[in-house]
């Protein structure tokens, strides 16, 4: 009898070991081994998300590893496959190719039954992300409502222009010329910010009886300058502004009078260029610059008067939402149920898809 009992216990132990071995789902009762995949390492906003997420995952007792794709989608796919082979059982993915449902499907296929939390960078456009998520119960998305930042930034710009029109109109011609710095040609966040940052500003400005904003370079039909590397970088924005100043300057009477940026990193580059020319510092004329993210550097620039405003993309909120979802999945919830169980007021499940969670934006013009 004793030998039979010992044999039964050994069989149970072996079975448990197999169930909790490498490559299983995070919800199978074993240790959660997460891998976080970042599209690249230097993005300013995502650096703040990473700092907060590392802290949140550690506090939750979730083992994790960070991988950086250097803005290379093929490299990220290889990293995902390697992580799975190494025993990762929860994938947290900041996809490189934003807005591409086929890429998201490839990642989900590689994951098999391993849960995937996509975050920050959209996995589809025009409803294609909804199709991906509805067809794959093992995946979810945590991010922001893409048009919201553009709408919020546009209203902020419009209100500021109406209140300060004559001061902004440096050459006193009755029309305010602007430059637009776009972070990435294909990224859905960049597309909406570029569109609504101007459209919504003009709606406010024209409603007040003022002429709409005018793009500074009439030969540029796109009405924006884009970071060709898709990195939303301060370097690209500064280079554009340095070049713009050669032809568009105060001496020529056609200086750029307002700059709208898709993110705070590009706003920093614009301000660096302006300050080299004697603007936006030490009581000199301020060319209004607006960004998105509310990074610490942007907050400092706003506090010193070198930048007017930004839109807060909540890094801590993003990290908290990811971690709480990961913990719920590790406890046995499906990704959709995990999202539904989050009660933080900063989070809301999208109206068009139960597998998609939004972290709220907020305007920021100083504290």
Protein backbone atom coordinates (compact mmCIF):
# COMPACT_ATOMS: atom_id res chain seq x y z
CA UNK A 1 0.00 0.00 0.00
CA UNK A 2 2.79 2.40 0.93
CA UNK A 3 4.60 1.65 -2.36
CA UNK A 4 1.41 2.38 -4.36
CA UNK A 5 0.94 5.70 -2.53
CA UNK A 6 4.56 6.71 -3.16
CA UNK A 7 4.19 5.83 -6.83
CA UNK A 8 1.00 7.89 -7.12
CA UNK A 9 2.67 10.92 -5.51
CA UNK A 10 5.65 10.60 -7.85
CA UNK A 11 3.32 10.49 -10.86
CA UNK A 12 1.50 13.63 -9.69
CA UNK A 13 4.80 15.44 -9.15
CA UNK A 14 6.06 14.52 -12.60
CA UNK A 15 2.81 15.67 -14.18
CA UNK A 16 3.00 19.02 -12.36
CA UNK A 17 6.57 19.47 -13.53
CA UNK A 18 5.53 18.92 -17.12
CA UNK A 19 2.63 21.36 -16.85
CA UNK A 20 4.80 24.12 -15.44
CA UNK A 21 7.74 23.62 -17.80
CA UNK A 22 9.12 26.14 -20.32
CA UNK A 23 6.95 27.35 -23.15
CA UNK A 24 3.59 26.90 -21.46
CA UNK A 25 0.93 29.54 -21.06
CA UNK A 26 1.35 32.14 -18.34
CA UNK A 27 -1.97 31.01 -16.90
CA UNK A 28 -1.02 27.35 -16.43
CA UNK A 29 -0.14 27.73 -12.77
CA UNK A 30 3.64 27.92 -13.18
CA UNK A 31 6.01 30.85 -12.98
CA UNK A 32 5.18 33.74 -15.29
CA UNK A 33 8.20 34.48 -17.48
CA UNK A 34 7.45 37.58 -19.50
CA UNK A 35 9.47 39.10 -22.28
CA UNK A 36 8.90 42.74 -23.21
CA UNK A 37 9.71 43.64 -26.81
CA UNK A 38 10.39 47.32 -27.60
CA UNK A 39 10.46 48.68 -31.12
CA UNK A 40 13.63 50.59 -30.22
CA UNK A 41 15.51 51.75 -27.14
CA UNK A 42 15.89 55.52 -27.43
CA UNK A 43 12.26 56.65 -27.70
CA UNK A 44 11.87 59.21 -24.89
CA UNK A 45 8.29 58.41 -23.94
CA UNK A 46 8.81 54.65 -24.08
CA UNK A 47 11.91 54.99 -21.92
CA UNK A 48 9.66 56.40 -19.20
CA UNK A 49 7.17 53.58 -19.75
CA UNK A 50 10.01 51.06 -19.47
CA UNK A 51 11.23 52.52 -16.16
CA UNK A 52 7.73 52.37 -14.71
CA UNK A 53 7.00 48.92 -16.17
CA UNK A 54 10.18 47.39 -14.80
CA UNK A 55 9.19 48.62 -11.34
CA UNK A 56 5.60 47.40 -11.69
CA UNK A 57 6.57 43.93 -12.92
CA UNK A 58 9.13 43.51 -10.15
CA UNK A 59 6.57 44.56 -7.53
CA UNK A 60 4.10 42.04 -8.98
CA UNK A 61 6.70 39.27 -8.77
CA UNK A 62 6.69 38.71 -12.54
CA UNK A 63 10.01 37.61 -14.04
CA UNK A 64 10.75 39.64 -17.17
CA UNK A 65 13.34 40.44 -19.80
CA UNK A 66 13.57 43.48 -22.12
CA UNK A 67 14.41 43.09 -25.82
CA UNK A 68 15.05 45.96 -28.27
CA UNK A 69 14.43 45.62 -32.01
CA UNK A 70 16.31 48.72 -33.24
CA UNK A 71 13.25 49.63 -35.37
CA UNK A 72 13.62 46.36 -37.32
CA UNK A 73 10.48 44.21 -37.54
CA UNK A 74 12.29 41.10 -38.80
CA UNK A 75 14.66 41.33 -35.86
CA UNK A 76 11.73 41.61 -33.45
CA UNK A 77 10.08 38.49 -34.90
CA UNK A 78 13.34 36.59 -34.40
CA UNK A 79 13.58 37.88 -30.83
CA UNK A 80 10.05 36.66 -30.14
CA UNK A 81 10.80 33.18 -31.48
CA UNK A 82 14.01 33.01 -29.44
CA UNK A 83 12.20 34.09 -26.27
CA UNK A 84 9.54 31.42 -26.74
CA UNK A 85 12.20 28.77 -27.28
CA UNK A 86 13.86 29.99 -24.09
CA UNK A 87 10.72 29.50 -21.99
CA UNK A 88 8.94 32.84 -22.14
CA UNK A 89 5.23 32.26 -21.52
CA UNK A 90 3.91 35.83 -21.75
CA UNK A 91 4.77 38.21 -24.60
CA UNK A 92 4.41 41.98 -24.13
CA UNK A 93 4.96 43.54 -27.55
CA UNK A 94 5.59 47.12 -28.67
CA UNK A 95 5.40 46.19 -32.35
CA UNK A 96 7.84 47.79 -34.80
CA UNK A 97 5.57 48.02 -37.84
CA UNK A 98 2.68 50.01 -36.45
CA UNK A 99 -0.74 49.68 -38.05
CA UNK A 100 0.07 46.38 -39.81
CA UNK A 101 -2.43 43.61 -38.89
CA UNK A 102 -0.43 41.01 -40.83
CA UNK A 103 2.54 41.62 -38.54
CA UNK A 104 0.36 41.21 -35.47
CA UNK A 105 -1.04 37.96 -36.90
CA UNK A 106 2.49 36.68 -37.51
CA UNK A 107 3.41 37.35 -33.90
CA UNK A 108 0.27 35.68 -32.59
CA UNK A 109 0.90 32.66 -34.82
CA UNK A 110 4.46 32.38 -33.52
CA UNK A 111 3.16 32.58 -29.96
CA UNK A 112 0.67 29.72 -30.36
CA UNK A 113 -1.27 29.49 -27.09
CA UNK A 114 1.06 31.92 -25.29
CA UNK A 115 -0.79 35.15 -24.40
CA UNK A 116 0.29 38.32 -26.20
CA UNK A 117 -0.21 41.83 -24.82
CA UNK A 118 0.39 44.36 -27.58
CA UNK A 119 0.94 47.89 -26.32
CA UNK A 120 1.43 51.52 -27.36
CA UNK A 121 1.89 51.10 -31.13
CA UNK A 122 -1.32 50.28 -32.99
CA UNK A 123 -1.59 46.82 -34.58
CA UNK A 124 -4.07 47.90 -37.27
CA UNK A 125 -6.00 50.77 -38.82
CA UNK A 126 -9.62 51.32 -39.87
CA UNK A 127 -10.90 48.45 -37.75
CA UNK A 128 -8.33 45.88 -38.84
CA UNK A 129 -7.00 45.79 -35.27
CA UNK A 130 -10.47 44.84 -34.06
CA UNK A 131 -10.56 41.92 -36.49
CA UNK A 132 -7.18 40.68 -35.27
CA UNK A 133 -8.20 40.84 -31.63
CA UNK A 134 -11.66 39.31 -32.12
CA UNK A 135 -10.14 36.40 -34.06
CA UNK A 136 -7.42 35.72 -31.47
CA UNK A 137 -8.60 35.22 -27.91
CA UNK A 138 -5.01 34.94 -26.65
CA UNK A 139 -4.18 38.55 -27.58
CA UNK A 140 -5.15 42.03 -26.39
CA UNK A 141 -4.02 45.61 -26.96
CA UNK A 142 -3.25 48.34 -24.40
CA UNK A 143 -2.69 51.82 -25.76
CA UNK A 144 -4.40 55.10 -26.39
CA UNK A 145 -7.34 56.25 -28.47
CA UNK A 146 -5.25 57.40 -31.45
CA UNK A 147 -7.27 60.48 -32.50
CA UNK A 148 -7.61 61.78 -28.93
CA UNK A 149 -4.12 63.28 -28.65
CA UNK A 150 -4.53 65.15 -31.93
CA UNK A 151 -7.92 66.51 -30.93
CA UNK A 152 -6.63 67.57 -27.53
CA UNK A 153 -3.48 69.17 -28.93
CA UNK A 154 -5.46 70.95 -31.64
CA UNK A 155 -7.87 72.54 -29.19
CA UNK A 156 -4.96 73.58 -26.96
CA UNK A 157 -3.23 75.24 -29.92
CA UNK A 158 -6.42 76.93 -31.10
CA UNK A 159 -7.18 78.39 -27.68
CA UNK A 160 -3.61 79.66 -27.31
CA UNK A 161 -3.53 81.23 -30.78
CA UNK A 162 -6.84 83.04 -30.26
CA UNK A 163 -5.62 84.43 -26.93
CA UNK A 164 -2.19 85.50 -28.27
CA UNK A 165 -2.74 86.13 -31.97
CA UNK A 166 -0.94 89.45 -32.34
CA UNK A 167 2.06 88.31 -30.29
CA UNK A 168 2.45 85.12 -32.33
CA UNK A 169 2.07 86.96 -35.66
CA UNK A 170 5.73 87.99 -35.79
CA UNK A 171 5.58 89.74 -39.19
CA UNK A 172 2.17 91.29 -38.49
CA UNK A 173 0.66 90.12 -41.79
CA UNK A 174 -2.55 88.89 -40.17
CA UNK A 175 -1.84 85.21 -40.84
CA UNK A 176 0.07 82.79 -38.63
CA UNK A 177 2.41 80.39 -40.43
CA UNK A 178 3.21 77.02 -38.89
CA UNK A 179 5.50 74.04 -39.27
CA UNK A 180 4.44 70.46 -38.50
CA UNK A 181 6.88 67.76 -37.36
CA UNK A 182 5.52 64.25 -38.03
CA UNK A 183 7.09 61.34 -36.18
CA UNK A 184 6.51 58.49 -38.63
CA UNK A 185 4.89 58.31 -42.05
CA UNK A 186 2.75 55.21 -41.41
CA UNK A 187 2.15 55.27 -37.66
CA UNK A 188 -1.56 55.76 -36.93
CA UNK A 189 -0.82 57.96 -33.89
CA UNK A 190 1.36 60.21 -36.03
CA UNK A 191 -1.24 60.36 -38.78
CA UNK A 192 -4.05 61.45 -36.46
CA UNK A 193 -1.88 63.90 -34.52
CA UNK A 194 -0.75 65.50 -37.77
CA UNK A 195 -4.32 65.76 -39.04
CA UNK A 196 -6.23 66.87 -35.95
CA UNK A 197 -3.48 69.03 -34.45
CA UNK A 198 -4.14 71.43 -37.33
CA UNK A 199 -7.81 70.77 -38.13
CA UNK A 200 -9.01 71.23 -34.57
CA UNK A 201 -6.80 74.28 -34.03
CA UNK A 202 -8.24 75.88 -37.16
CA UNK A 203 -11.78 75.10 -36.03
CA UNK A 204 -11.19 77.12 -32.85
CA UNK A 205 -9.30 79.91 -34.63
CA UNK A 206 -11.79 80.44 -37.45
CA UNK A 207 -14.71 80.29 -35.01
CA UNK A 208 -13.10 83.29 -33.31
CA UNK A 209 -13.07 85.18 -36.61
CA UNK A 210 -9.35 84.75 -37.33
CA UNK A 211 -7.74 83.31 -40.50
CA UNK A 212 -6.79 79.64 -40.41
CA UNK A 213 -3.17 78.64 -39.88
CA UNK A 214 -1.05 78.62 -43.03
CA UNK A 215 1.71 76.09 -43.68
CA UNK A 216 5.01 77.92 -44.09
CA UNK A 217 6.16 76.18 -47.29
CA UNK A 218 3.60 76.40 -50.08
CA UNK A 219 5.60 73.94 -52.20
CA UNK A 220 5.08 71.16 -49.65
CA UNK A 221 1.67 69.66 -50.42
CA UNK A 222 1.88 67.31 -47.43
CA UNK A 223 2.09 70.23 -45.01
CA UNK A 224 4.47 68.39 -42.70
CA UNK A 225 8.10 67.29 -42.36
CA UNK A 226 8.50 63.66 -41.34
CA UNK A 227 11.28 61.79 -39.57
CA UNK A 228 12.32 59.50 -42.43
CA UNK A 229 13.64 56.94 -39.95
CA UNK A 230 10.27 56.76 -38.18
CA UNK A 231 11.98 57.43 -34.85
CA UNK A 232 10.13 60.64 -33.85
CA UNK A 233 13.56 62.06 -33.05
CA UNK A 234 14.77 65.40 -31.76
CA UNK A 235 17.66 65.15 -34.21
CA UNK A 236 15.39 64.98 -37.25
CA UNK A 237 13.26 67.91 -36.03
CA UNK A 238 16.29 70.07 -35.30
CA UNK A 239 17.78 69.37 -38.72
CA UNK A 240 14.51 70.36 -40.39
CA UNK A 241 14.27 73.59 -38.42
CA UNK A 242 17.91 74.48 -39.07
CA UNK A 243 17.25 74.05 -42.80
CA UNK A 244 13.96 75.96 -42.63
CA UNK A 245 15.68 78.95 -41.07
CA UNK A 246 17.91 79.40 -44.10
CA UNK A 247 14.97 80.63 -46.19
CA UNK A 248 12.25 81.26 -43.63
CA UNK A 249 13.48 83.76 -41.08
CA UNK A 250 12.69 87.06 -39.44
CA UNK A 251 14.93 89.05 -41.78
CA UNK A 252 13.00 87.76 -44.79
CA UNK A 253 9.67 88.54 -43.15
CA UNK A 254 8.42 84.96 -43.54
CA UNK A 255 9.57 83.31 -40.31
CA UNK A 256 7.75 80.25 -38.99
CA UNK A 257 5.52 81.55 -36.20
CA UNK A 258 4.22 78.31 -34.64
CA UNK A 259 5.49 74.73 -34.51
CA UNK A 260 3.35 71.64 -33.91
CA UNK A 261 5.13 68.38 -33.09
CA UNK A 262 3.83 64.82 -32.88
CA UNK A 263 5.83 64.24 -29.71
CA UNK A 264 7.95 66.02 -27.12
CA UNK A 265 11.20 64.61 -28.47
CA UNK A 266 10.68 66.45 -31.76
CA UNK A 267 9.56 69.54 -29.83
CA UNK A 268 12.90 69.46 -27.99
CA UNK A 269 14.76 69.41 -31.31
CA UNK A 270 12.74 72.35 -32.62
CA UNK A 271 13.38 74.35 -29.46
CA UNK A 272 17.10 73.61 -29.61
CA UNK A 273 17.16 75.06 -33.13
CA UNK A 274 15.12 78.11 -32.12
CA UNK A 275 17.34 78.81 -29.13
CA UNK A 276 20.46 78.68 -31.29
CA UNK A 277 18.89 81.51 -33.29
CA UNK A 278 18.14 83.55 -30.16
CA UNK A 279 14.47 82.67 -29.67
CA UNK A 280 12.58 80.90 -26.86
CA UNK A 281 15.01 81.86 -24.11
CA UNK A 282 16.05 84.69 -21.78
CA UNK A 283 12.99 86.82 -22.38
CA UNK A 284 13.39 86.76 -26.19
CA UNK A 285 10.46 86.24 -28.56
CA UNK A 286 8.88 82.83 -28.05
CA UNK A 287 7.78 80.85 -31.06
CA UNK A 288 5.01 78.66 -29.62
CA UNK A 289 5.95 74.97 -29.72
CA UNK A 290 3.54 72.15 -28.85
CA UNK A 291 4.21 68.44 -28.37
CA UNK A 292 2.70 65.23 -27.02
CA UNK A 293 3.82 63.00 -24.11
CA UNK A 294 4.49 65.37 -21.17
CA UNK A 295 8.01 64.02 -20.68
CA UNK A 296 10.10 65.43 -17.84
CA UNK A 297 12.18 67.43 -20.33
CA UNK A 298 9.06 68.93 -21.90
CA UNK A 299 7.68 69.86 -18.49
CA UNK A 300 10.97 71.63 -17.70
CA UNK A 301 10.85 73.52 -21.02
CA UNK A 302 7.28 74.58 -20.31
CA UNK A 303 8.23 75.71 -16.81
CA UNK A 304 11.01 77.93 -18.19
CA UNK A 305 8.78 79.37 -20.92
CA UNK A 306 10.55 77.79 -23.89
CA UNK A 307 7.58 75.56 -24.79
CA UNK A 308 3.87 76.26 -24.51
CA UNK A 309 2.09 72.93 -24.06
CA UNK A 310 1.92 69.20 -24.52
CA UNK A 311 -0.52 66.33 -24.10
CA UNK A 312 0.18 63.92 -21.29
CA UNK A 313 0.52 60.33 -22.44
CA UNK A 314 0.49 58.55 -19.11
CA UNK A 315 3.65 56.41 -18.89
CA UNK A 316 2.87 55.25 -15.37
CA UNK A 317 -0.71 54.47 -16.35
CA UNK A 318 0.47 52.46 -19.35
CA UNK A 319 2.85 50.45 -17.16
CA UNK A 320 0.17 49.84 -14.53
CA UNK A 321 -2.36 48.66 -17.12
CA UNK A 322 0.14 46.23 -18.68
CA UNK A 323 1.21 44.82 -15.32
CA UNK A 324 -2.30 44.42 -13.95
CA UNK A 325 -3.33 42.66 -17.16
CA UNK A 326 -0.26 40.41 -17.02
CA UNK A 327 -0.97 39.51 -13.40
CA UNK A 328 -4.59 38.66 -14.20
CA UNK A 329 -3.52 36.47 -17.12
CA UNK A 330 -0.99 34.74 -14.87
CA UNK A 331 -3.85 34.09 -12.46
CA UNK A 332 -5.88 32.31 -15.12
CA UNK A 333 -7.87 35.07 -16.83
CA UNK A 334 -8.14 35.40 -20.58
CA UNK A 335 -6.70 38.66 -21.94
CA UNK A 336 -10.21 40.03 -22.55
CA UNK A 337 -11.38 39.14 -19.05
CA UNK A 338 -8.20 40.67 -17.66
CA UNK A 339 -8.95 43.99 -19.35
CA UNK A 340 -12.56 43.91 -18.16
CA UNK A 341 -11.36 43.43 -14.59
CA UNK A 342 -9.26 46.62 -14.45
CA UNK A 343 -10.96 49.27 -12.32
CA UNK A 344 -8.52 52.21 -12.52
CA UNK A 345 -10.33 55.39 -13.67
CA UNK A 346 -7.50 56.04 -16.17
CA UNK A 347 -8.43 52.92 -18.15
CA UNK A 348 -11.39 52.22 -20.41
CA UNK A 349 -12.20 49.27 -22.64
CA UNK A 350 -12.76 50.42 -26.23
CA UNK A 351 -16.35 50.62 -27.38
CA UNK A 352 -15.59 48.71 -30.59
CA UNK A 353 -13.58 45.85 -29.11
CA UNK A 354 -13.43 44.11 -25.71
CA UNK A 355 -9.80 43.16 -26.35
CA UNK A 356 -8.60 46.75 -26.54
CA UNK A 357 -7.91 49.04 -23.56
CA UNK A 358 -7.26 52.78 -23.65
CA UNK A 359 -5.15 54.78 -21.22
CA UNK A 360 -6.46 58.36 -21.07
CA UNK A 361 -4.61 61.44 -22.32
CA UNK A 362 -4.69 64.83 -20.56
CA UNK A 363 -3.62 68.37 -21.64
CA UNK A 364 -0.53 69.83 -19.94
CA UNK A 365 0.55 73.47 -19.93
CA UNK A 366 2.37 73.55 -16.57
CA UNK A 367 1.79 72.78 -12.92
